[in-house]
Amino acid sequence: MSVKIEILDYKYGEVEGAQIISNYSFTSSADWNTGSGWSISGGAATHSGANGFLENTNVTFIEGQNYRIKYKISGRTA
């Protein structure tokens, strides 16, 4: 099996445009739906189960627009 990755555009650095995710710093659970096993506190979203979801309730995507998604995973133990 092989995988082909084609990079069409690459920009390194700060986010261009506005941050569209409300409460992206996880200061509280406001604007977030947490599924089974998820919790939000202390500036982090933590997952402790095998299933579940984490959803921001205050985001609207527009067809034809480009978006950059950046996230950090830390403290993984399994």
PDB file of N, CA and C in Angstrom:
ATOM      1  N   MET A   1       0.841  -1.170   0.000  1.00  0.00           N
ATOM      2  CA  MET A   1       0.000   0.000   0.000  1.00  0.00           C
ATOM      3  C   MET A   1       0.885   1.232   0.000  1.00  0.00           C
ATOM      4  N   SER A   2       0.478   2.257  -0.753  1.00  0.00           N
ATOM      5  CA  SER A   2       1.215   3.513  -0.748  1.00  0.00           C
ATOM      6  C   SER A   2       0.240   4.668  -0.569  1.00  0.00           C
ATOM      7  N   VAL A   3       0.781   5.741  -0.049  1.00  0.00           N
ATOM      8  CA  VAL A   3      -0.017   6.940   0.176  1.00  0.00           C
ATOM      9  C   VAL A   3       0.676   8.097  -0.502  1.00  0.00           C
ATOM     10  N   LYS A   4      -0.069   8.877  -1.253  1.00  0.00           N
ATOM     11  CA  LYS A   4       0.488  10.051  -1.923  1.00  0.00           C
ATOM     12  C   LYS A   4      -0.057  11.288  -1.227  1.00  0.00           C
ATOM     13  N   ILE A   5       0.830  12.162  -0.800  1.00  0.00           N
ATOM     14  CA  ILE A   5       0.431  13.419  -0.171  1.00  0.00           C
ATOM     15  C   ILE A   5       0.902  14.550  -1.066  1.00  0.00           C
ATOM     16  N   GLU A   6      -0.021  15.389  -1.457  1.00  0.00           N
ATOM     17  CA  GLU A   6       0.301  16.522  -2.312  1.00  0.00           C
ATOM     18  C   GLU A   6       0.056  17.806  -1.533  1.00  0.00           C
ATOM     19  N   ILE A   7       1.087  18.604  -1.373  1.00  0.00           N
ATOM     20  CA  ILE A   7       0.950  19.876  -0.665  1.00  0.00           C
ATOM     21  C   ILE A   7       0.672  20.954  -1.708  1.00  0.00           C
ATOM     22  N   LEU A   8      -0.533  21.511  -1.641  1.00  0.00           N
ATOM     23  CA  LEU A   8      -0.937  22.518  -2.611  1.00  0.00           C
ATOM     24  C   LEU A   8      -0.522  23.916  -2.191  1.00  0.00           C
ATOM     25  N   ASP A   9      -0.491  24.166  -0.910  1.00  0.00           N
ATOM     26  CA  ASP A   9      -0.116  25.476  -0.402  1.00  0.00           C
ATOM     27  C   ASP A   9       0.361  25.304   1.032  1.00  0.00           C
ATOM     28  N   TYR A  10       1.381  26.023   1.409  1.00  0.00           N
ATOM     29  CA  TYR A  10       1.901  25.909   2.759  1.00  0.00           C
ATOM     30  C   TYR A  10       2.286  27.289   3.256  1.00  0.00           C
ATOM     31  N   LYS A  11       1.748  27.653   4.401  1.00  0.00           N
ATOM     32  CA  LYS A  11       2.107  28.921   5.028  1.00  0.00           C
ATOM     33  C   LYS A  11       2.474  28.631   6.465  1.00  0.00           C
ATOM     34  N   TYR A  12       3.666  29.041   6.869  1.00  0.00           N
ATOM     35  CA  TYR A  12       4.142  28.809   8.227  1.00  0.00           C
ATOM     36  C   TYR A  12       4.032  30.099   9.011  1.00  0.00           C
ATOM     37  N   GLY A  13       3.590  30.002  10.229  1.00  0.00           N
ATOM     38  CA  GLY A  13       3.557  31.181  11.077  1.00  0.00           C
ATOM     39  C   GLY A  13       2.225  31.373  11.753  1.00  0.00           C
ATOM     40  N   GLU A  14       1.917  32.606  12.037  1.00  0.00           N
ATOM     41  CA  GLU A  14       0.710  32.960  12.768  1.00  0.00           C
ATOM     42  C   GLU A  14      -0.540  32.707  11.935  1.00  0.00           C
ATOM     43  N   VAL A  15      -1.650  32.571  12.617  1.00  0.00           N
ATOM     44  CA  VAL A  15      -2.936  32.394  11.954  1.00  0.00           C
ATOM     45  C   VAL A  15      -3.270  33.661  11.183  1.00  0.00           C
ATOM     46  N   GLU A  16      -3.680  33.486   9.943  1.00  0.00           N
ATOM     47  CA  GLU A  16      -4.120  34.625   9.145  1.00  0.00           C
ATOM     48  C   GLU A  16      -5.625  34.747   9.295  1.00  0.00           C
ATOM     49  N   GLY A  17      -6.107  35.933   9.545  1.00  0.00           N
ATOM     50  CA  GLY A  17      -7.537  36.125   9.704  1.00  0.00           C
ATOM     51  C   GLY A  17      -7.949  35.970  11.153  1.00  0.00           C
ATOM     52  N   ALA A  18      -9.238  35.804  11.347  1.00  0.00           N
ATOM     53  CA  ALA A  18      -9.797  35.765  12.698  1.00  0.00           C
ATOM     54  C   ALA A  18      -9.904  34.340  13.222  1.00  0.00           C
ATOM     55  N   GLN A  19      -9.764  34.200  14.518  1.00  0.00           N
ATOM     56  CA  GLN A  19     -10.002  32.921  15.196  1.00  0.00           C
ATOM     57  C   GLN A  19     -11.516  32.706  15.220  1.00  0.00           C
ATOM     58  N   ILE A  20     -12.010  31.599  14.651  1.00  0.00           N
ATOM     59  CA  ILE A  20     -13.460  31.400  14.586  1.00  0.00           C
ATOM     60  C   ILE A  20     -13.979  30.437  15.648  1.00  0.00           C
ATOM     61  N   ILE A  21     -13.092  29.789  16.380  1.00  0.00           N
ATOM     62  CA  ILE A  21     -13.511  28.886  17.446  1.00  0.00           C
ATOM     63  C   ILE A  21     -13.648  29.692  18.735  1.00  0.00           C
ATOM     64  N   SER A  22     -14.851  29.737  19.267  1.00  0.00           N
ATOM     65  CA  SER A  22     -15.044  30.453  20.527  1.00  0.00           C
ATOM     66  C   SER A  22     -14.558  29.583  21.681  1.00  0.00           C
ATOM     67  N   ASN A  23     -14.006  30.211  22.680  1.00  0.00           N
ATOM     68  CA  ASN A  23     -13.471  29.532  23.863  1.00  0.00           C
ATOM     69  C   ASN A  23     -12.463  28.433  23.473  1.00  0.00           C
ATOM     70  N   TYR A  24     -11.590  28.757  22.535  1.00  0.00           N
ATOM     71  CA  TYR A  24     -10.592  27.797  22.062  1.00  0.00           C
ATOM     72  C   TYR A  24      -9.543  27.475  23.118  1.00  0.00           C
ATOM     73  N   SER A  25      -9.437  28.290  24.153  1.00  0.00           N
ATOM     74  CA  SER A  25      -8.441  28.035  25.194  1.00  0.00           C
ATOM     75  C   SER A  25      -8.985  27.179  26.333  1.00  0.00           C
ATOM     76  N   PHE A  26     -10.226  26.679  26.191  1.00  0.00           N
ATOM     77  CA  PHE A  26     -10.839  25.783  27.175  1.00  0.00           C
ATOM     78  C   PHE A  26     -10.819  26.356  28.587  1.00  0.00           C
ATOM     79  N   THR A  27     -11.121  27.647  28.708  1.00  0.00           N
ATOM     80  CA  THR A  27     -11.183  28.262  30.029  1.00  0.00           C
ATOM     81  C   THR A  27     -12.366  27.751  30.839  1.00  0.00           C
ATOM     82  N   SER A  28     -13.386  27.255  30.147  1.00  0.00           N
ATOM     83  CA  SER A  28     -14.559  26.635  30.773  1.00  0.00           C
ATOM     84  C   SER A  28     -15.215  25.745  29.718  1.00  0.00           C
ATOM     85  N   SER A  29     -16.317  25.138  30.057  1.00  0.00           N
ATOM     86  CA  SER A  29     -17.009  24.290  29.081  1.00  0.00           C
ATOM     87  C   SER A  29     -18.015  25.073  28.249  1.00  0.00           C
ATOM     88  N   ALA A  30     -18.032  26.408  28.401  1.00  0.00           N
ATOM     89  CA  ALA A  30     -18.934  27.237  27.596  1.00  0.00           C
ATOM     90  C   ALA A  30     -18.640  27.046  26.110  1.00  0.00           C
ATOM     91  N   ASP A  31     -19.669  26.929  25.305  1.00  0.00           N
ATOM     92  CA  ASP A  31     -19.603  26.767  23.845  1.00  0.00           C
ATOM     93  C   ASP A  31     -19.135  25.382  23.407  1.00  0.00           C
ATOM     94  N   TRP A  32     -19.009  24.437  24.318  1.00  0.00           N
ATOM     95  CA  TRP A  32     -18.563  23.092  23.963  1.00  0.00           C
ATOM     96  C   TRP A  32     -19.601  22.052  24.380  1.00  0.00           C
ATOM     97  N   ASN A  33     -19.876  21.117  23.475  1.00  0.00           N
ATOM     98  CA  ASN A  33     -20.635  19.914  23.817  1.00  0.00           C
ATOM     99  C   ASN A  33     -19.615  18.821  24.069  1.00  0.00           C
ATOM    100  N   THR A  34     -19.679  18.202  25.207  1.00  0.00           N
ATOM    101  CA  THR A  34     -18.733  17.142  25.530  1.00  0.00           C
ATOM    102  C   THR A  34     -19.458  15.805  25.532  1.00  0.00           C
ATOM    103  N   GLY A  35     -18.937  14.881  24.773  1.00  0.00           N
ATOM    104  CA  GLY A  35     -19.495  13.539  24.732  1.00  0.00           C
ATOM    105  C   GLY A  35     -18.968  12.709  25.880  1.00  0.00           C
ATOM    106  N   SER A  36     -19.309  11.464  25.848  1.00  0.00           N
ATOM    107  CA  SER A  36     -18.922  10.530  26.891  1.00  0.00           C
ATOM    108  C   SER A  36     -17.411  10.534  27.105  1.00  0.00           C
ATOM    109  N   GLY A  37     -16.982  10.686  28.354  1.00  0.00           N
ATOM    110  CA  GLY A  37     -15.561  10.614  28.693  1.00  0.00           C
ATOM    111  C   GLY A  37     -14.794  11.907  28.541  1.00  0.00           C
ATOM    112  N   TRP A  38     -15.432  12.996  28.104  1.00  0.00           N
ATOM    113  CA  TRP A  38     -14.734  14.266  27.923  1.00  0.00           C
ATOM    114  C   TRP A  38     -14.978  15.202  29.096  1.00  0.00           C
ATOM    115  N   SER A  39     -13.964  15.986  29.434  1.00  0.00           N
ATOM    116  CA  SER A  39     -14.115  17.044  30.424  1.00  0.00           C
ATOM    117  C   SER A  39     -13.260  18.232  30.007  1.00  0.00           C
ATOM    118  N   ILE A  40     -13.659  19.412  30.447  1.00  0.00           N
ATOM    119  CA  ILE A  40     -12.919  20.630  30.126  1.00  0.00           C
ATOM    120  C   ILE A  40     -12.656  21.379  31.419  1.00  0.00           C
ATOM    121  N   SER A  41     -11.375  21.634  31.681  1.00  0.00           N
ATOM    122  CA  SER A  41     -10.994  22.438  32.845  1.00  0.00           C
ATOM    123  C   SER A  41      -9.515  22.761  32.758  1.00  0.00           C
ATOM    124  N   GLY A  42      -9.128  23.811  33.448  1.00  0.00           N
ATOM    125  CA  GLY A  42      -7.710  24.166  33.529  1.00  0.00           C
ATOM    126  C   GLY A  42      -7.045  24.439  32.196  1.00  0.00           C
ATOM    127  N   GLY A  43      -7.792  24.889  31.196  1.00  0.00           N
ATOM    128  CA  GLY A  43      -7.220  25.198  29.886  1.00  0.00           C
ATOM    129  C   GLY A  43      -6.993  23.992  29.007  1.00  0.00           C
ATOM    130  N   ALA A  44      -7.633  22.862  29.324  1.00  0.00           N
ATOM    131  CA  ALA A  44      -7.450  21.656  28.517  1.00  0.00           C
ATOM    132  C   ALA A  44      -8.756  20.883  28.390  1.00  0.00           C
ATOM    133  N   ALA A  45      -8.907  20.210  27.268  1.00  0.00           N
ATOM    134  CA  ALA A  45      -9.989  19.255  27.082  1.00  0.00           C
ATOM    135  C   ALA A  45      -9.363  17.874  27.264  1.00  0.00           C
ATOM    136  N   THR A  46      -9.930  17.071  28.132  1.00  0.00           N
ATOM    137  CA  THR A  46      -9.358  15.772  28.470  1.00  0.00           C
ATOM    138  C   THR A  46     -10.345  14.668  28.121  1.00  0.00           C
ATOM    139  N   HIS A  47      -9.840  13.618  27.501  1.00  0.00           N
ATOM    140  CA  HIS A  47     -10.683  12.480  27.142  1.00  0.00           C
ATOM    141  C   HIS A  47     -10.191  11.249  27.871  1.00  0.00           C
ATOM    142  N   SER A  48     -11.099  10.534  28.527  1.00  0.00           N
ATOM    143  CA  SER A  48     -10.694   9.362  29.304  1.00  0.00           C
ATOM    144  C   SER A  48     -11.422   8.099  28.878  1.00  0.00           C
ATOM    145  N   GLY A  49     -12.181   8.129  27.791  1.00  0.00           N
ATOM    146  CA  GLY A  49     -12.917   6.955  27.347  1.00  0.00           C
ATOM    147  C   GLY A  49     -12.560   6.564  25.933  1.00  0.00           C
ATOM    148  N   ALA A  50     -13.112   5.457  25.477  1.00  0.00           N
ATOM    149  CA  ALA A  50     -12.820   4.961  24.138  1.00  0.00           C
ATOM    150  C   ALA A  50     -13.684   5.649  23.084  1.00  0.00           C
ATOM    151  N   ASN A  51     -14.856   6.096  23.450  1.00  0.00           N
ATOM    152  CA  ASN A  51     -15.768   6.733  22.507  1.00  0.00           C
ATOM    153  C   ASN A  51     -16.086   8.137  22.978  1.00  0.00           C
ATOM    154  N   GLY A  52     -16.769   8.886  22.160  1.00  0.00           N
ATOM    155  CA  GLY A  52     -17.202  10.217  22.564  1.00  0.00           C
ATOM    156  C   GLY A  52     -16.876  11.252  21.516  1.00  0.00           C
ATOM    157  N   PHE A  53     -17.234  12.474  21.810  1.00  0.00           N
ATOM    158  CA  PHE A  53     -16.998  13.565  20.875  1.00  0.00           C
ATOM    159  C   PHE A  53     -16.780  14.853  21.642  1.00  0.00           C
ATOM    160  N   LEU A  54     -16.179  15.803  20.975  1.00  0.00           N
ATOM    161  CA  LEU A  54     -15.989  17.143  21.511  1.00  0.00           C
ATOM    162  C   LEU A  54     -16.373  18.088  20.385  1.00  0.00           C
ATOM    163  N   GLU A  55     -17.344  18.942  20.618  1.00  0.00           N
ATOM    164  CA  GLU A  55     -17.889  19.774  19.552  1.00  0.00           C
ATOM    165  C   GLU A  55     -18.073  21.201  20.024  1.00  0.00           C
ATOM    166  N   ASN A  56     -17.541  22.147  19.245  1.00  0.00           N
ATOM    167  CA  ASN A  56     -17.773  23.552  19.541  1.00  0.00           C
ATOM    168  C   ASN A  56     -19.105  23.943  18.917  1.00  0.00           C
ATOM    169  N   THR A  57     -19.961  24.577  19.681  1.00  0.00           N
ATOM    170  CA  THR A  57     -21.323  24.868  19.226  1.00  0.00           C
ATOM    171  C   THR A  57     -21.464  26.232  18.570  1.00  0.00           C
ATOM    172  N   ASN A  58     -20.376  26.946  18.437  1.00  0.00           N
ATOM    173  CA  ASN A  58     -20.466  28.324  17.980  1.00  0.00           C
ATOM    174  C   ASN A  58     -19.638  28.575  16.719  1.00  0.00           C
ATOM    175  N   VAL A  59     -19.555  27.590  15.811  1.00  0.00           N
ATOM    176  CA  VAL A  59     -18.738  27.709  14.607  1.00  0.00           C
ATOM    177  C   VAL A  59     -19.626  27.590  13.377  1.00  0.00           C
ATOM    178  N   THR A  60     -19.417  28.462  12.413  1.00  0.00           N
ATOM    179  CA  THR A  60     -20.112  28.375  11.134  1.00  0.00           C
ATOM    180  C   THR A  60     -19.070  28.356  10.028  1.00  0.00           C
ATOM    181  N   PHE A  61     -19.053  27.277   9.265  1.00  0.00           N
ATOM    182  CA  PHE A  61     -18.149  27.186   8.126  1.00  0.00           C
ATOM    183  C   PHE A  61     -18.878  27.653   6.872  1.00  0.00           C
ATOM    184  N   ILE A  62     -18.157  28.290   5.973  1.00  0.00           N
ATOM    185  CA  ILE A  62     -18.736  28.810   4.744  1.00  0.00           C
ATOM    186  C   ILE A  62     -18.146  28.046   3.565  1.00  0.00           C
ATOM    187  N   GLU A  63     -19.014  27.538   2.719  1.00  0.00           N
ATOM    188  CA  GLU A  63     -18.577  26.777   1.545  1.00  0.00           C
ATOM    189  C   GLU A  63     -17.684  27.645   0.669  1.00  0.00           C
ATOM    190  N   GLY A  64     -16.588  27.062   0.208  1.00  0.00           N
ATOM    191  CA  GLY A  64     -15.655  27.760  -0.659  1.00  0.00           C
ATOM    192  C   GLY A  64     -14.544  28.486   0.072  1.00  0.00           C
ATOM    193  N   GLN A  65     -14.646  28.610   1.390  1.00  0.00           N
ATOM    194  CA  GLN A  65     -13.604  29.254   2.178  1.00  0.00           C
ATOM    195  C   GLN A  65     -12.547  28.230   2.591  1.00  0.00           C
ATOM    196  N   ASN A  66     -11.349  28.683   2.806  1.00  0.00           N
ATOM    197  CA  ASN A  66     -10.269  27.823   3.290  1.00  0.00           C
ATOM    198  C   ASN A  66     -10.103  28.027   4.786  1.00  0.00           C
ATOM    199  N   TYR A  67      -9.831  26.928   5.491  1.00  0.00           N
ATOM    200  CA  TYR A  67      -9.639  26.973   6.931  1.00  0.00           C
ATOM    201  C   TYR A  67      -8.396  26.183   7.287  1.00  0.00           C
ATOM    202  N   ARG A  68      -7.732  26.604   8.347  1.00  0.00           N
ATOM    203  CA  ARG A  68      -6.597  25.853   8.859  1.00  0.00           C
ATOM    204  C   ARG A  68      -6.963  25.351  10.241  1.00  0.00           C
ATOM    205  N   ILE A  69      -6.777  24.067  10.448  1.00  0.00           N
ATOM    206  CA  ILE A  69      -7.061  23.456  11.745  1.00  0.00           C
ATOM    207  C   ILE A  69      -5.731  23.064  12.363  1.00  0.00           C
ATOM    208  N   LYS A  70      -5.510  23.520  13.569  1.00  0.00           N
ATOM    209  CA  LYS A  70      -4.273  23.218  14.275  1.00  0.00           C
ATOM    210  C   LYS A  70      -4.629  22.756  15.675  1.00  0.00           C
ATOM    211  N   TYR A  71      -4.082  21.645  16.109  1.00  0.00           N
ATOM    212  CA  TYR A  71      -4.360  21.150  17.447  1.00  0.00           C
ATOM    213  C   TYR A  71      -3.125  20.470  18.005  1.00  0.00           C
ATOM    214  N   LYS A  72      -3.094  20.365  19.315  1.00  0.00           N
ATOM    215  CA  LYS A  72      -1.965  19.750  20.011  1.00  0.00           C
ATOM    216  C   LYS A  72      -2.495  18.610  20.870  1.00  0.00           C
ATOM    217  N   ILE A  73      -1.878  17.463  20.760  1.00  0.00           N
ATOM    218  CA  ILE A  73      -2.214  16.323  21.591  1.00  0.00           C
ATOM    219  C   ILE A  73      -1.058  16.146  22.582  1.00  0.00           C
ATOM    220  N   SER A  74      -1.391  16.089  23.874  1.00  0.00           N
ATOM    221  CA  SER A  74      -0.333  15.913  24.867  1.00  0.00           C
ATOM    222  C   SER A  74      -0.815  14.977  25.958  1.00  0.00           C
ATOM    223  N   GLY A  75       0.090  14.407  26.668  1.00  0.00           N
ATOM    224  CA  GLY A  75      -0.232  13.530  27.786  1.00  0.00           C
ATOM    225  C   GLY A  75      -0.807  12.195  27.378  1.00  0.00           C
ATOM    226  N   ARG A  76      -0.604  11.789  26.144  1.00  0.00           N
ATOM    227  CA  ARG A  76      -1.127  10.507  25.683  1.00  0.00           C
ATOM    228  C   ARG A  76      -0.385   9.374  26.386  1.00  0.00           C
ATOM    229  N   THR A  77      -1.133   8.402  26.918  1.00  0.00           N
ATOM    230  CA  THR A  77      -0.492   7.298  27.645  1.00  0.00           C
ATOM    231  C   THR A  77      -0.785   5.941  27.027  1.00  0.00           C
ATOM    232  N   ALA A  78      -1.712   5.847  26.114  1.00  0.00           N
ATOM    233  CA  ALA A  78      -2.011   4.556  25.500  1.00  0.00           C
ATOM    234  C   ALA A  78      -2.367   4.724  24.057  1.00  0.00           C
TER     235      ALA A  78
END
